[in-house]
Amino acid sequence: MSQLLNPPAPPESRKTMKPRIELIGTTGYAIRIQEDKSGQLIELHADGEEVLADIPDLADIPESTLDNFAYSLNDALGNMR
């Protein structure tokens, strides 16, 4: 006897994003993503942080450019094998 499953509906997607910080490996650098989809490149320290660059709108940057940036940053910091 087979039984059809009736899963609940997925949650509705929200128009706004929660602010978050995405670490870039173990480099001590991170990207802070704001609710308005802007961002900041930050350097993390034991006693705080330093903003290195503001990114006006991450939604306008193609994904391939972000991937290339992450690859280049990790390569420059010696995190590539």
PDB file of N, CA and C in Angstrom:
ATOM      1  N   MET A   1       0.845  -1.163   0.000  1.00  0.00           N
ATOM      2  CA  MET A   1       0.000   0.000   0.000  1.00  0.00           C
ATOM      3  C   MET A   1       0.901   1.240   0.000  1.00  0.00           C
ATOM      4  N   SER A   2       0.735   2.059  -1.000  1.00  0.00           N
ATOM      5  CA  SER A   2       1.546   3.277  -1.071  1.00  0.00           C
ATOM      6  C   SER A   2       0.787   4.446  -0.454  1.00  0.00           C
ATOM      7  N   GLN A   3       1.530   5.316   0.095  1.00  0.00           N
ATOM      8  CA  GLN A   3       0.935   6.469   0.759  1.00  0.00           C
ATOM      9  C   GLN A   3       1.600   7.726   0.211  1.00  0.00           C
ATOM     10  N   LEU A   4       0.817   8.679  -0.219  1.00  0.00           N
ATOM     11  CA  LEU A   4       1.365   9.929  -0.715  1.00  0.00           C
ATOM     12  C   LEU A   4       1.705  10.835   0.454  1.00  0.00           C
ATOM     13  N   LEU A   5       2.857  11.435   0.354  1.00  0.00           N
ATOM     14  CA  LEU A   5       3.264  12.372   1.391  1.00  0.00           C
ATOM     15  C   LEU A   5       2.764  13.762   1.035  1.00  0.00           C
ATOM     16  N   ASN A   6       2.359  14.481   2.007  1.00  0.00           N
ATOM     17  CA  ASN A   6       1.876  15.836   1.809  1.00  0.00           C
ATOM     18  C   ASN A   6       2.720  16.773   2.669  1.00  0.00           C
ATOM     19  N   PRO A   7       3.913  17.170   2.160  1.00  0.00           N
ATOM     20  CA  PRO A   7       4.787  18.014   2.973  1.00  0.00           C
ATOM     21  C   PRO A   7       4.218  19.427   3.109  1.00  0.00           C
ATOM     22  N   PRO A   8       4.629  20.121   4.151  1.00  0.00           N
ATOM     23  CA  PRO A   8       4.158  21.501   4.305  1.00  0.00           C
ATOM     24  C   PRO A   8       4.745  22.392   3.215  1.00  0.00           C
ATOM     25  N   ALA A   9       4.100  23.484   2.956  1.00  0.00           N
ATOM     26  CA  ALA A   9       4.585  24.437   1.955  1.00  0.00           C
ATOM     27  C   ALA A   9       5.890  25.060   2.435  1.00  0.00           C
ATOM     28  N   PRO A  10       6.810  25.355   1.519  1.00  0.00           N
ATOM     29  CA  PRO A  10       8.059  25.995   1.935  1.00  0.00           C
ATOM     30  C   PRO A  10       7.790  27.396   2.467  1.00  0.00           C
ATOM     31  N   PRO A  11       8.663  27.889   3.319  1.00  0.00           N
ATOM     32  CA  PRO A  11       8.451  29.235   3.849  1.00  0.00           C
ATOM     33  C   PRO A  11       8.530  30.274   2.733  1.00  0.00           C
ATOM     34  N   GLU A  12       7.790  31.342   2.898  1.00  0.00           N
ATOM     35  CA  GLU A  12       7.816  32.407   1.901  1.00  0.00           C
ATOM     36  C   GLU A  12       9.162  33.115   1.950  1.00  0.00           C
ATOM     37  N   SER A  13       9.679  33.437   0.773  1.00  0.00           N
ATOM     38  CA  SER A  13      10.947  34.154   0.755  1.00  0.00           C
ATOM     39  C   SER A  13      10.715  35.603   1.159  1.00  0.00           C
ATOM     40  N   ARG A  14      11.680  36.107   1.900  1.00  0.00           N
ATOM     41  CA  ARG A  14      11.561  37.479   2.370  1.00  0.00           C
ATOM     42  C   ARG A  14      12.221  38.413   1.383  1.00  0.00           C
ATOM     43  N   LYS A  15      11.698  39.607   1.288  1.00  0.00           N
ATOM     44  CA  LYS A  15      12.254  40.606   0.379  1.00  0.00           C
ATOM     45  C   LYS A  15      13.566  41.175   0.906  1.00  0.00           C
ATOM     46  N   THR A  16      13.720  41.231   2.214  1.00  0.00           N
ATOM     47  CA  THR A  16      14.938  41.787   2.795  1.00  0.00           C
ATOM     48  C   THR A  16      15.808  40.659   3.329  1.00  0.00           C
ATOM     49  N   MET A  17      17.090  40.915   3.360  1.00  0.00           N
ATOM     50  CA  MET A  17      18.042  39.948   3.889  1.00  0.00           C
ATOM     51  C   MET A  17      18.417  40.339   5.307  1.00  0.00           C
ATOM     52  N   LYS A  18      18.739  39.358   6.094  1.00  0.00           N
ATOM     53  CA  LYS A  18      19.284  39.644   7.425  1.00  0.00           C
ATOM     54  C   LYS A  18      20.739  40.047   7.245  1.00  0.00           C
ATOM     55  N   PRO A  19      21.183  41.057   7.969  1.00  0.00           N
ATOM     56  CA  PRO A  19      22.606  41.396   7.889  1.00  0.00           C
ATOM     57  C   PRO A  19      23.443  40.207   8.363  1.00  0.00           C
ATOM     58  N   ARG A  20      24.558  39.964   7.706  1.00  0.00           N
ATOM     59  CA  ARG A  20      25.403  38.846   8.114  1.00  0.00           C
ATOM     60  C   ARG A  20      26.843  39.121   7.706  1.00  0.00           C
ATOM     61  N   ILE A  21      27.730  38.341   8.261  1.00  0.00           N
ATOM     62  CA  ILE A  21      29.147  38.440   7.945  1.00  0.00           C
ATOM     63  C   ILE A  21      29.592  37.095   7.383  1.00  0.00           C
ATOM     64  N   GLU A  22      30.190  37.131   6.192  1.00  0.00           N
ATOM     65  CA  GLU A  22      30.711  35.925   5.550  1.00  0.00           C
ATOM     66  C   GLU A  22      32.231  35.941   5.683  1.00  0.00           C
ATOM     67  N   LEU A  23      32.769  34.983   6.422  1.00  0.00           N
ATOM     68  CA  LEU A  23      34.214  34.893   6.596  1.00  0.00           C
ATOM     69  C   LEU A  23      34.866  34.413   5.309  1.00  0.00           C
ATOM     70  N   ILE A  24      36.052  34.897   5.023  1.00  0.00           N
ATOM     71  CA  ILE A  24      36.813  34.455   3.865  1.00  0.00           C
ATOM     72  C   ILE A  24      37.894  33.516   4.379  1.00  0.00           C
ATOM     73  N   GLY A  25      37.519  32.257   4.517  1.00  0.00           N
ATOM     74  CA  GLY A  25      38.442  31.244   5.026  1.00  0.00           C
ATOM     75  C   GLY A  25      38.956  31.609   6.406  1.00  0.00           C
ATOM     76  N   THR A  26      40.219  31.368   6.624  1.00  0.00           N
ATOM     77  CA  THR A  26      40.863  31.703   7.899  1.00  0.00           C
ATOM     78  C   THR A  26      41.824  32.873   7.726  1.00  0.00           C
ATOM     79  N   THR A  27      41.477  33.770   6.802  1.00  0.00           N
ATOM     80  CA  THR A  27      42.364  34.872   6.444  1.00  0.00           C
ATOM     81  C   THR A  27      42.310  36.040   7.412  1.00  0.00           C
ATOM     82  N   GLY A  28      41.263  36.144   8.196  1.00  0.00           N
ATOM     83  CA  GLY A  28      41.075  37.324   9.031  1.00  0.00           C
ATOM     84  C   GLY A  28      40.300  38.417   8.319  1.00  0.00           C
ATOM     85  N   TYR A  29      39.822  38.115   7.113  1.00  0.00           N
ATOM     86  CA  TYR A  29      39.006  39.044   6.351  1.00  0.00           C
ATOM     87  C   TYR A  29      37.589  38.490   6.229  1.00  0.00           C
ATOM     88  N   ALA A  30      36.642  39.394   6.038  1.00  0.00           N
ATOM     89  CA  ALA A  30      35.250  38.978   5.890  1.00  0.00           C
ATOM     90  C   ALA A  30      34.502  40.017   5.067  1.00  0.00           C
ATOM     91  N   ILE A  31      33.344  39.630   4.579  1.00  0.00           N
ATOM     92  CA  ILE A  31      32.458  40.554   3.882  1.00  0.00           C
ATOM     93  C   ILE A  31      31.189  40.675   4.707  1.00  0.00           C
ATOM     94  N   ARG A  32      30.869  41.898   5.097  1.00  0.00           N
ATOM     95  CA  ARG A  32      29.626  42.165   5.824  1.00  0.00           C
ATOM     96  C   ARG A  32      28.558  42.523   4.792  1.00  0.00           C
ATOM     97  N   ILE A  33      27.453  41.793   4.813  1.00  0.00           N
ATOM     98  CA  ILE A  33      26.351  42.043   3.888  1.00  0.00           C
ATOM     99  C   ILE A  33      25.209  42.677   4.679  1.00  0.00           C
ATOM    100  N   GLN A  34      24.797  43.865   4.240  1.00  0.00           N
ATOM    101  CA  GLN A  34      23.742  44.624   4.919  1.00  0.00           C
ATOM    102  C   GLN A  34      22.360  44.239   4.384  1.00  0.00           C
ATOM    103  N   GLU A  35      21.311  44.706   5.058  1.00  0.00           N
ATOM    104  CA  GLU A  35      19.938  44.434   4.629  1.00  0.00           C
ATOM    105  C   GLU A  35      19.652  44.985   3.245  1.00  0.00           C
ATOM    106  N   ASP A  36      20.257  46.114   2.889  1.00  0.00           N
ATOM    107  CA  ASP A  36      20.002  46.728   1.583  1.00  0.00           C
ATOM    108  C   ASP A  36      20.879  46.141   0.474  1.00  0.00           C
ATOM    109  N   LYS A  37      21.524  45.011   0.744  1.00  0.00           N
ATOM    110  CA  LYS A  37      22.383  44.269  -0.175  1.00  0.00           C
ATOM    111  C   LYS A  37      23.663  45.012  -0.531  1.00  0.00           C
ATOM    112  N   SER A  38      24.028  46.003   0.248  1.00  0.00           N
ATOM    113  CA  SER A  38      25.354  46.596   0.110  1.00  0.00           C
ATOM    114  C   SER A  38      26.296  45.786   0.984  1.00  0.00           C
ATOM    115  N   GLY A  39      27.575  46.043   0.866  1.00  0.00           N
ATOM    116  CA  GLY A  39      28.509  45.258   1.659  1.00  0.00           C
ATOM    117  C   GLY A  39      29.741  46.054   2.026  1.00  0.00           C
ATOM    118  N   GLN A  40      30.561  45.440   2.859  1.00  0.00           N
ATOM    119  CA  GLN A  40      31.830  46.015   3.275  1.00  0.00           C
ATOM    120  C   GLN A  40      32.854  44.899   3.375  1.00  0.00           C
ATOM    121  N   LEU A  41      34.049  45.162   2.871  1.00  0.00           N
ATOM    122  CA  LEU A  41      35.169  44.257   3.091  1.00  0.00           C
ATOM    123  C   LEU A  41      35.820  44.700   4.387  1.00  0.00           C
ATOM    124  N   ILE A  42      35.918  43.793   5.355  1.00  0.00           N
ATOM    125  CA  ILE A  42      36.451  44.162   6.663  1.00  0.00           C
ATOM    126  C   ILE A  42      37.607  43.234   7.041  1.00  0.00           C
ATOM    127  N   GLU A  43      38.526  43.787   7.811  1.00  0.00           N
ATOM    128  CA  GLU A  43      39.621  43.010   8.384  1.00  0.00           C
ATOM    129  C   GLU A  43      39.314  42.840   9.865  1.00  0.00           C
ATOM    130  N   LEU A  44      39.308  41.609  10.322  1.00  0.00           N
ATOM    131  CA  LEU A  44      38.951  41.314  11.705  1.00  0.00           C
ATOM    132  C   LEU A  44      40.204  41.292  12.574  1.00  0.00           C
ATOM    133  N   HIS A  45      40.111  41.920  13.736  1.00  0.00           N
ATOM    134  CA  HIS A  45      41.200  41.948  14.711  1.00  0.00           C
ATOM    135  C   HIS A  45      40.679  41.396  16.039  1.00  0.00           C
ATOM    136  N   ALA A  46      41.569  41.066  16.930  1.00  0.00           N
ATOM    137  CA  ALA A  46      41.161  40.573  18.248  1.00  0.00           C
ATOM    138  C   ALA A  46      40.384  41.637  19.018  1.00  0.00           C
ATOM    139  N   ASP A  47      40.681  42.901  18.761  1.00  0.00           N
ATOM    140  CA  ASP A  47      40.024  43.979  19.506  1.00  0.00           C
ATOM    141  C   ASP A  47      39.021  44.774  18.660  1.00  0.00           C
ATOM    142  N   GLY A  48      38.597  44.226  17.532  1.00  0.00           N
ATOM    143  CA  GLY A  48      37.603  44.928  16.713  1.00  0.00           C
ATOM    144  C   GLY A  48      37.774  44.605  15.244  1.00  0.00           C
ATOM    145  N   GLU A  49      37.443  45.574  14.417  1.00  0.00           N
ATOM    146  CA  GLU A  49      37.497  45.375  12.976  1.00  0.00           C
ATOM    147  C   GLU A  49      37.858  46.685  12.296  1.00  0.00           C
ATOM    148  N   GLU A  50      38.312  46.572  11.051  1.00  0.00           N
ATOM    149  CA  GLU A  50      38.638  47.745  10.246  1.00  0.00           C
ATOM    150  C   GLU A  50      37.966  47.581   8.886  1.00  0.00           C
ATOM    151  N   VAL A  51      37.189  48.580   8.485  1.00  0.00           N
ATOM    152  CA  VAL A  51      36.531  48.538   7.178  1.00  0.00           C
ATOM    153  C   VAL A  51      37.556  48.925   6.126  1.00  0.00           C
ATOM    154  N   LEU A  52      37.790  48.032   5.163  1.00  0.00           N
ATOM    155  CA  LEU A  52      38.763  48.277   4.108  1.00  0.00           C
ATOM    156  C   LEU A  52      38.129  48.859   2.858  1.00  0.00           C
ATOM    157  N   ALA A  53      36.883  48.474   2.562  1.00  0.00           N
ATOM    158  CA  ALA A  53      36.217  48.959   1.350  1.00  0.00           C
ATOM    159  C   ALA A  53      34.712  48.825   1.502  1.00  0.00           C
ATOM    160  N   ASP A  54      33.995  49.776   0.929  1.00  0.00           N
ATOM    161  CA  ASP A  54      32.538  49.695   0.851  1.00  0.00           C
ATOM    162  C   ASP A  54      32.150  49.168  -0.522  1.00  0.00           C
ATOM    163  N   ILE A  55      31.141  48.296  -0.544  1.00  0.00           N
ATOM    164  CA  ILE A  55      30.632  47.735  -1.792  1.00  0.00           C
ATOM    165  C   ILE A  55      29.199  48.237  -1.929  1.00  0.00           C
ATOM    166  N   PRO A  56      28.925  49.130  -2.898  1.00  0.00           N
ATOM    167  CA  PRO A  56      27.624  49.796  -2.966  1.00  0.00           C
ATOM    168  C   PRO A  56      26.429  48.851  -3.053  1.00  0.00           C
ATOM    169  N   ASP A  57      26.426  47.906  -3.974  1.00  0.00           N
ATOM    170  CA  ASP A  57      25.269  47.027  -4.131  1.00  0.00           C
ATOM    171  C   ASP A  57      25.720  45.692  -4.693  1.00  0.00           C
ATOM    172  N   LEU A  58      25.729  44.671  -3.848  1.00  0.00           N
ATOM    173  CA  LEU A  58      26.188  43.346  -4.277  1.00  0.00           C
ATOM    174  C   LEU A  58      25.298  42.739  -5.343  1.00  0.00           C
ATOM    175  N   ALA A  59      24.026  43.148  -5.396  1.00  0.00           N
ATOM    176  CA  ALA A  59      23.103  42.594  -6.386  1.00  0.00           C
ATOM    177  C   ALA A  59      23.497  42.990  -7.799  1.00  0.00           C
ATOM    178  N   ASP A  60      24.227  44.101  -7.960  1.00  0.00           N
ATOM    179  CA  ASP A  60      24.632  44.563  -9.288  1.00  0.00           C
ATOM    180  C   ASP A  60      25.912  43.906  -9.785  1.00  0.00           C
ATOM    181  N   ILE A  61      26.586  43.151  -8.922  1.00  0.00           N
ATOM    182  CA  ILE A  61      27.852  42.517  -9.298  1.00  0.00           C
ATOM    183  C   ILE A  61      27.564  41.091  -9.757  1.00  0.00           C
ATOM    184  N   PRO A  62      27.996  40.727 -10.979  1.00  0.00           N
ATOM    185  CA  PRO A  62      27.749  39.360 -11.462  1.00  0.00           C
ATOM    186  C   PRO A  62      28.431  38.322 -10.568  1.00  0.00           C
ATOM    187  N   GLU A  63      27.817  37.155 -10.468  1.00  0.00           N
ATOM    188  CA  GLU A  63      28.354  36.086  -9.616  1.00  0.00           C
ATOM    189  C   GLU A  63      29.753  35.678 -10.051  1.00  0.00           C
ATOM    190  N   SER A  64      30.015  35.699 -11.350  1.00  0.00           N
ATOM    191  CA  SER A  64      31.344  35.317 -11.834  1.00  0.00           C
ATOM    192  C   SER A  64      32.410  36.297 -11.340  1.00  0.00           C
ATOM    193  N   THR A  65      32.064  37.566 -11.220  1.00  0.00           N
ATOM    194  CA  THR A  65      33.005  38.559 -10.707  1.00  0.00           C
ATOM    195  C   THR A  65      33.289  38.323  -9.231  1.00  0.00           C
ATOM    196  N   LEU A  66      32.255  37.981  -8.455  1.00  0.00           N
ATOM    197  CA  LEU A  66      32.448  37.687  -7.038  1.00  0.00           C
ATOM    198  C   LEU A  66      33.305  36.442  -6.849  1.00  0.00           C
ATOM    199  N   ASP A  67      33.074  35.420  -7.681  1.00  0.00           N
ATOM    200  CA  ASP A  67      33.891  34.206  -7.610  1.00  0.00           C
ATOM    201  C   ASP A  67      35.351  34.516  -7.933  1.00  0.00           C
ATOM    202  N   ASN A  68      35.574  35.329  -8.965  1.00  0.00           N
ATOM    203  CA  ASN A  68      36.934  35.707  -9.352  1.00  0.00           C
ATOM    204  C   ASN A  68      37.606  36.510  -8.246  1.00  0.00           C
ATOM    205  N   PHE A  69      36.856  37.408  -7.604  1.00  0.00           N
ATOM    206  CA  PHE A  69      37.386  38.194  -6.491  1.00  0.00           C
ATOM    207  C   PHE A  69      37.811  37.277  -5.347  1.00  0.00           C
ATOM    208  N   ALA A  70      36.945  36.340  -4.971  1.00  0.00           N
ATOM    209  CA  ALA A  70      37.257  35.428  -3.865  1.00  0.00           C
ATOM    210  C   ALA A  70      38.483  34.579  -4.204  1.00  0.00           C
ATOM    211  N   TYR A  71      38.560  34.094  -5.447  1.00  0.00           N
ATOM    212  CA  TYR A  71      39.706  33.287  -5.867  1.00  0.00           C
ATOM    213  C   TYR A  71      40.990  34.113  -5.808  1.00  0.00           C
ATOM    214  N   SER A  72      40.957  35.326  -6.352  1.00  0.00           N
ATOM    215  CA  SER A  72      42.131  36.186  -6.380  1.00  0.00           C
ATOM    216  C   SER A  72      42.587  36.561  -4.986  1.00  0.00           C
ATOM    217  N   LEU A  73      41.625  36.853  -4.107  1.00  0.00           N
ATOM    218  CA  LEU A  73      41.966  37.209  -2.726  1.00  0.00           C
ATOM    219  C   LEU A  73      42.637  36.037  -2.022  1.00  0.00           C
ATOM    220  N   ASN A  74      42.059  34.854  -2.157  1.00  0.00           N
ATOM    221  CA  ASN A  74      42.650  33.676  -1.512  1.00  0.00           C
ATOM    222  C   ASN A  74      44.018  33.353  -2.099  1.00  0.00           C
ATOM    223  N   ASP A  75      44.181  33.530  -3.403  1.00  0.00           N
ATOM    224  CA  ASP A  75      45.468  33.292  -4.042  1.00  0.00           C
ATOM    225  C   ASP A  75      46.512  34.277  -3.548  1.00  0.00           C
ATOM    226  N   ALA A  76      46.134  35.557  -3.431  1.00  0.00           N
ATOM    227  CA  ALA A  76      47.064  36.582  -2.955  1.00  0.00           C
ATOM    228  C   ALA A  76      47.475  36.360  -1.501  1.00  0.00           C
ATOM    229  N   LEU A  77      46.576  35.770  -0.717  1.00  0.00           N
ATOM    230  CA  LEU A  77      46.865  35.531   0.697  1.00  0.00           C
ATOM    231  C   LEU A  77      47.545  34.181   0.930  1.00  0.00           C
ATOM    232  N   GLY A  78      47.767  33.411  -0.136  1.00  0.00           N
ATOM    233  CA  GLY A  78      48.458  32.127   0.000  1.00  0.00           C
ATOM    234  C   GLY A  78      47.566  30.996   0.472  1.00  0.00           C
ATOM    235  N   ASN A  79      46.264  31.103   0.248  1.00  0.00           N
ATOM    236  CA  ASN A  79      45.347  30.052   0.684  1.00  0.00           C
ATOM    237  C   ASN A  79      45.041  29.034  -0.399  1.00  0.00           C
ATOM    238  N   MET A  80      45.757  29.086  -1.520  1.00  0.00           N
ATOM    239  CA  MET A  80      45.515  28.145  -2.609  1.00  0.00           C
ATOM    240  C   MET A  80      46.545  27.020  -2.518  1.00  0.00           C
ATOM    241  N   ARG A  81      46.158  25.852  -2.922  1.00  0.00           N
ATOM    242  CA  ARG A  81      47.098  24.719  -2.918  1.00  0.00           C
ATOM    243  C   ARG A  81      47.792  24.603  -4.235  1.00  0.00           C
TER     244      ARG A  81
END
